[in-house]
Protein backbone atom coordinates (compact mmCIF):
# COMPACT_ATOMS: atom_id res chain seq x y z
CA MET A 1 28.50 32.93 10.37
CA THR A 2 24.76 33.47 10.79
CA THR A 3 22.12 31.46 12.60
CA LEU A 4 21.03 28.24 10.86
CA GLU A 5 17.42 28.44 9.66
CA ILE A 6 15.57 25.14 10.18
CA LEU A 7 12.25 24.97 8.33
CA LEU A 8 9.73 22.24 9.14
CA PRO A 9 6.79 22.03 6.69
CA TYR A 10 4.48 19.89 8.84
CA TYR A 11 1.56 17.62 7.99
CA GLY A 12 0.72 14.26 9.53
CA ASP A 13 1.76 12.34 12.63
CA VAL A 14 1.89 14.55 15.73
CA ALA A 15 4.18 12.30 17.79
CA LEU A 16 6.79 12.05 15.04
CA MET A 17 6.68 15.81 14.50
CA GLN A 18 7.24 16.35 18.22
CA GLU A 19 10.21 13.99 18.15
CA ALA A 20 11.67 15.98 15.26
CA VAL A 21 11.23 19.25 17.17
CA ARG A 22 12.81 17.81 20.31
CA SER A 23 15.82 16.71 18.28
CA VAL A 24 16.34 20.31 17.21
CA LEU A 25 16.02 21.51 20.80
CA ALA A 26 18.74 19.01 21.78
CA GLN A 27 21.41 20.42 19.42
CA THR A 28 24.83 21.00 20.97
CA ASP A 29 25.20 24.22 18.97
CA PRO A 30 22.37 26.55 20.08
CA ASP A 31 22.66 28.98 17.16
CA TRP A 32 19.58 27.96 15.18
CA ARG A 33 15.98 29.00 14.59
CA LEU A 34 13.15 26.56 13.95
CA THR A 35 10.09 27.60 11.94
CA VAL A 36 7.20 25.12 11.78
CA VAL A 37 4.44 25.68 9.22
CA ASP A 38 1.45 23.44 9.97
CA ASP A 39 -0.54 22.45 6.87
CA GLY A 40 -3.02 20.33 8.84
CA LYS A 41 -5.67 20.62 11.54
CA GLU A 42 -4.53 18.17 14.21
CA PRO A 43 -5.91 19.23 17.63
CA GLY A 44 -3.58 20.36 20.39
CA VAL A 45 -0.63 21.19 18.16
CA PRO A 46 -0.69 25.00 18.56
CA GLU A 47 -0.99 24.57 22.32
CA TRP A 48 1.98 22.19 22.41
CA PHE A 49 4.19 24.74 20.66
CA ALA A 50 2.98 27.53 22.93
CA GLU A 51 4.12 25.50 25.94
CA LEU A 52 7.67 25.02 24.63
CA GLY A 53 8.67 28.48 25.79
CA ASP A 54 11.68 28.73 23.45
CA SER A 55 12.05 32.00 21.55
CA ARG A 56 14.02 30.21 18.81
CA VAL A 57 10.90 28.25 17.79
CA ARG A 58 8.22 29.85 15.58
CA TYR A 59 4.91 28.12 14.79
CA PHE A 60 2.38 28.99 12.05
CA ARG A 61 -0.81 27.17 11.01
CA ASN A 62 -2.11 27.60 7.47
CA GLU A 63 -5.73 28.70 7.19
CA GLN A 64 -6.09 26.53 4.09
CA ASN A 65 -4.17 23.42 3.07
CA LEU A 66 -1.39 24.42 0.66
CA GLY A 67 -0.16 20.96 -0.30
CA VAL A 68 3.44 19.81 -0.37
CA THR A 69 4.95 22.31 -2.81
CA GLY A 70 2.82 25.19 -1.56
CA ASN A 71 3.89 24.65 2.04
CA TYR A 72 7.55 24.40 1.07
CA ARG A 73 7.21 27.70 -0.75
CA LYS A 74 5.62 29.31 2.29
CA CYS A 75 8.45 28.02 4.50
CA LEU A 76 11.01 29.39 2.07
CA GLY A 77 9.31 32.77 2.12
CA LEU A 78 9.69 32.89 5.91
CA ALA A 79 13.44 32.22 5.82
CA GLU A 80 15.55 35.18 6.94
CA TYR A 81 19.00 33.72 7.60
CA GLU A 82 21.79 32.90 5.17
CA HIS A 83 21.49 29.09 5.29
CA LEU A 84 18.47 26.83 5.75
CA VAL A 85 17.33 23.22 6.11
CA PHE A 86 13.97 21.79 5.00
CA MET A 87 13.68 19.18 7.73
CA GLY A 88 11.30 16.26 7.33
CA THR A 89 8.41 16.16 9.76
CA ASP A 90 9.30 12.58 10.78
CA ASP A 91 13.10 12.81 10.69
CA VAL A 92 15.58 13.33 13.52
CA MET A 93 18.59 15.62 13.87
CA LEU A 94 21.32 13.98 15.89
CA PRO A 95 22.80 16.37 18.48
CA GLY A 96 25.80 17.37 16.37
CA TYR A 97 23.94 18.30 13.17
CA VAL A 98 24.02 22.10 13.55
CA ALA A 99 27.62 22.09 14.81
CA THR A 100 28.78 19.94 11.88
CA VAL A 101 26.98 22.02 9.25
CA ARG A 102 28.33 25.27 10.70
CA SER A 103 31.83 23.77 10.70
CA ILE A 104 31.48 22.93 6.99
CA LEU A 105 30.24 26.44 6.26
CA THR A 106 33.32 27.84 7.95
CA GLN A 107 35.50 25.69 5.69
CA TYR A 108 33.43 26.29 2.52
CA PRO A 109 31.67 29.64 3.11
CA GLY A 110 30.23 30.08 -0.39
CA VAL A 111 28.85 26.58 -0.95
CA ALA A 112 25.17 26.29 -1.91
CA MET A 113 24.48 22.74 -0.67
CA ILE A 114 25.75 20.48 2.10
CA GLN A 115 24.89 16.78 2.28
CA PRO A 116 26.00 15.47 5.70
CA GLY A 117 26.16 11.83 6.69
CA VAL A 118 22.77 10.16 7.18
CA GLN A 119 21.57 7.10 9.10
CA VAL A 120 18.36 5.52 7.82
CA ILE A 121 15.82 4.47 10.46
CA GLY A 122 12.53 2.63 10.23
CA SER A 123 9.07 3.50 11.51
CA ASP A 124 10.13 2.29 14.97
CA GLY A 125 13.15 4.60 15.08
CA ARG A 126 15.69 1.77 14.86
CA PRO A 127 18.47 1.64 12.23
CA SER A 128 17.04 0.17 9.06
CA THR A 129 17.97 -0.56 5.49
CA SER A 130 16.25 -1.15 2.19
CA LEU A 131 17.19 -2.03 -1.37
CA ALA A 132 16.94 1.66 -2.29
CA ASP A 133 19.23 2.77 0.53
CA GLU A 134 21.76 0.00 -0.07
CA SER A 135 21.85 0.95 -3.75
CA LYS A 136 22.44 4.59 -2.82
CA ARG A 137 25.30 3.67 -0.51
CA ARG A 138 27.00 0.92 -2.49
CA ILE A 139 26.41 1.91 -6.13
CA TYR A 140 25.61 5.58 -6.59
CA ALA A 141 27.02 7.62 -3.67
CA PRO A 142 30.60 8.97 -3.83
CA LYS A 143 33.21 6.61 -2.41
CA GLN A 144 35.46 9.37 -1.03
CA ARG A 145 35.77 9.70 2.75
CA GLY A 146 35.67 12.89 4.81
CA ARG A 147 34.51 16.15 3.23
CA VAL A 148 34.44 16.47 -0.55
CA LEU A 149 33.52 19.48 -2.69
CA MET A 150 31.59 18.44 -5.81
CA GLY A 151 29.80 20.14 -8.68
CA GLY A 152 29.33 20.55 -12.42
CA GLU A 153 28.42 17.86 -14.91
CA ASP A 154 30.20 15.13 -12.94
CA LEU A 155 27.88 15.55 -9.96
CA ALA A 156 24.84 15.89 -12.22
CA VAL A 157 25.71 12.60 -13.95
CA SER A 158 26.12 10.85 -10.59
CA LEU A 159 22.74 12.04 -9.28
CA LEU A 160 20.85 11.36 -12.50
CA LYS A 161 22.15 7.79 -12.56
CA GLY A 162 20.80 7.33 -9.01
CA ASN A 163 19.74 10.05 -6.58
CA TRP A 164 21.78 9.26 -3.46
CA LEU A 165 20.84 12.46 -1.60
CA TYR A 166 18.58 12.72 1.46
CA PHE A 167 16.70 15.97 0.87
CA PRO A 168 15.55 16.69 4.47
CA SER A 169 19.14 16.55 5.72
CA ILE A 170 20.61 18.98 3.17
CA CYS A 171 21.67 22.48 4.20
CA TRP A 172 21.08 25.12 1.48
CA ARG A 173 22.26 28.65 0.90
CA THR A 174 18.99 30.54 1.20
CA GLU A 175 19.64 33.04 -1.58
CA ALA A 176 20.43 30.26 -4.07
CA VAL A 177 17.17 28.41 -3.32
CA LYS A 178 15.07 31.58 -3.40
CA THR A 179 16.58 32.54 -6.76
CA THR A 180 15.95 29.10 -8.28
CA GLY A 181 12.65 28.23 -6.56
CA PHE A 182 10.52 25.11 -6.82
CA ARG A 183 9.01 23.87 -10.06
CA ASP A 184 5.22 24.11 -10.34
CA ASN A 185 4.58 20.72 -11.95
CA LEU A 186 6.62 18.53 -9.60
CA GLU A 187 6.16 17.04 -6.14
CA ILE A 188 7.91 13.68 -5.75
CA ILE A 189 11.07 14.58 -7.67
CA GLN A 190 11.16 18.24 -6.64
CA ASP A 191 14.35 17.72 -4.59
CA LEU A 192 16.43 16.34 -7.46
CA ALA A 193 15.12 19.04 -9.80
CA LEU A 194 16.27 21.77 -7.41
CA VAL A 195 19.76 20.29 -7.10
CA ILE A 196 20.19 19.90 -10.86
CA ASP A 197 18.96 23.47 -11.43
CA LEU A 198 21.52 24.76 -8.93
CA LEU A 199 24.32 22.73 -10.51
CA GLN A 200 23.42 24.14 -13.91
CA ALA A 201 23.64 27.60 -12.37
CA GLY A 202 27.23 26.87 -11.33
CA GLU A 203 26.64 26.04 -7.65
CA GLN A 204 28.52 23.33 -5.73
CA MET A 205 27.88 20.82 -2.94
CA VAL A 206 29.95 19.58 -0.02
CA VAL A 207 29.43 15.90 0.85
CA ASP A 208 30.45 14.89 4.37
CA ASP A 209 30.42 11.34 5.76
CA GLU A 210 29.87 12.17 9.46
CA ARG A 211 26.41 10.85 10.36
CA VAL A 212 24.48 13.64 12.07
CA PHE A 213 20.95 13.07 10.72
CA GLN A 214 18.41 10.25 10.83
CA TYR A 215 16.15 9.83 7.82
CA ARG A 216 12.99 7.84 8.50
CA ARG A 217 12.09 5.29 5.82
CA HIS A 218 8.53 4.01 6.34
CA ALA A 219 7.57 0.57 5.08
CA VAL A 220 5.02 0.65 2.27
CA SER A 221 1.90 -1.36 3.06
CA ILE A 222 1.13 -4.01 0.46
CA SER A 223 -2.56 -3.05 0.69
CA SER A 224 -2.05 0.71 0.29
CA SER A 225 -4.33 2.07 -2.44
CA SER A 226 -1.61 4.44 -3.68
CA ALA A 227 1.58 2.47 -3.11
CA PHE A 228 1.65 0.91 -6.57
CA SER A 229 -0.16 3.46 -8.72
CA GLY A 230 3.01 4.31 -10.64
CA THR A 231 2.18 8.03 -10.74
CA ARG A 232 5.47 9.02 -9.07
CA PHE A 233 7.40 7.36 -11.88
CA THR A 234 5.27 9.07 -14.52
CA GLU A 235 6.21 12.40 -12.95
CA ALA A 236 9.85 11.36 -12.78
CA ARG A 237 9.93 10.30 -16.42
CA ARG A 238 8.45 13.64 -17.49
CA TYR A 239 11.10 15.44 -15.48
CA PHE A 240 13.99 13.38 -16.88
CA LEU A 241 12.88 14.15 -20.45
CA ASP A 242 12.71 17.88 -19.74
CA ALA A 243 16.02 17.87 -17.86
CA ALA A 244 17.79 15.99 -20.65
CA ASP A 245 16.87 18.66 -23.18
CA ARG A 246 18.07 21.43 -20.87
CA LEU A 247 21.31 19.58 -20.14
CA ASP A 248 21.94 19.10 -23.86
CA ALA A 249 21.40 22.83 -24.38
CA GLN A 250 23.94 23.51 -21.61
CA GLY A 251 26.55 21.36 -23.31
CA TRP A 252 26.43 18.55 -20.73
CA PRO A 253 25.92 15.49 -22.99
CA ARG A 254 26.88 12.90 -20.38
CA ALA A 255 24.34 14.29 -17.92
CA ALA A 256 21.69 14.43 -20.65
CA ARG A 257 22.36 10.78 -21.50
CA ALA A 258 22.09 9.76 -17.83
CA SER A 259 18.82 11.67 -17.54
CA ARG A 260 17.27 9.94 -20.54
CA LEU A 261 18.37 6.54 -19.27
CA HIS A 262 17.40 7.20 -15.56
CA LEU A 263 18.28 3.59 -14.89
CA SER A 264 17.80 3.48 -11.11
CA ALA A 265 14.29 4.95 -11.33
CA ARG A 266 13.34 2.37 -13.96
CA ILE A 267 14.74 -0.49 -11.87
CA HIS A 268 12.80 0.78 -8.84
CA ALA A 269 9.57 0.86 -10.83
CA LEU A 270 10.21 -2.69 -12.04
CA THR A 271 10.69 -3.99 -8.49
CA LEU A 272 7.20 -2.71 -7.57
CA VAL A 273 5.36 -4.50 -10.39
CA PRO A 274 4.94 -7.86 -8.56
CA GLY A 275 3.57 -6.10 -5.47
CA ALA A 276 1.07 -4.14 -7.54
CA MET A 277 -0.11 -7.37 -9.17
CA ARG A 278 -0.47 -9.11 -5.80
CA ALA A 279 -2.52 -6.14 -4.57
CA GLY A 280 -4.79 -6.41 -7.62
CA GLN A 281 -3.73 -2.97 -8.89
CA TRP A 282 -3.52 -3.96 -12.54
CA GLN A 283 -3.53 -0.45 -13.96
CA GLY A 284 -0.77 0.51 -11.56
CA ALA A 285 1.23 -2.53 -12.62
CA LYS A 286 0.87 -1.49 -16.27
CA THR A 287 1.97 2.06 -15.45
CA LEU A 288 4.98 0.79 -13.49
CA LEU A 289 5.95 -1.60 -16.27
CA ARG A 290 5.63 1.12 -18.89
CA ASN A 291 7.89 3.44 -16.90
CA ALA A 292 10.37 0.63 -16.24
CA THR A 293 10.78 -0.31 -19.88
CA SER A 294 10.66 3.11 -21.57
CA THR A 295 13.54 5.56 -21.57
CA ALA A 296 12.86 9.29 -21.68
CA ARG A 297 13.54 9.93 -25.35
CA ARG A 298 13.06 13.13 -27.25
CA PRO A 299 9.83 13.20 -29.27
CA ARG A 300 10.52 12.70 -32.97
């Protein structure tokens, strides 16, 4: 089994990024390599990495800002080992993450995706929960315990009803991701699109319930100028329409139906309408309401 490639496309809070890096350094299994690609200009960051003195850590700073998808593509291009992780810049690997993932790869050597157990934390680093996370856990996520191999239309239907994955915690087979790539016109829903593309290509996923990763869920400020714009749901709706047509062409009618309905995304948009109205973002409220009440139907 080869070294685990951990890719960290970085932009934003320096302290949280440093916490993420330290969590990698603290892994009980030392067979990993961390590559950080800095898409910002925060002072002191290159110097901090230089002082780490660990040959398993590589640091690059982009000369020009590449944006979310561009930086992920650059990270992917730097991957050299058989399996990789796109770690979030504000997330935390618990000490057993690498050991657990490598154990799963020993048991399922050809699998393209591994979703380990995840604990959600808040901005303060303490265990947290939200309506979205409770819905993932109680309604949409598989109810089996232990390690489960999943794939095909059944898994696609489950994810299109409600995406219960935590993208930064997933381990991927590098060749599968490089072959499929990231879609040019997506940012927010890029993770789900990649998984569905891989499932359509015949790949499978192992779901494990051992919690070895902490996913940080930040509270959305009621006064944020972008929190209630509704643009993320417009992108999602466009994706679901496109995916439904491709799933129909593949002969996966149940997955196509789930994609057109995309019920959990519509419910989420609806829950944000009152907040947008309280914040005086009337256009955003209209956009949210439109996405909440319209299914992704084929054009006539």
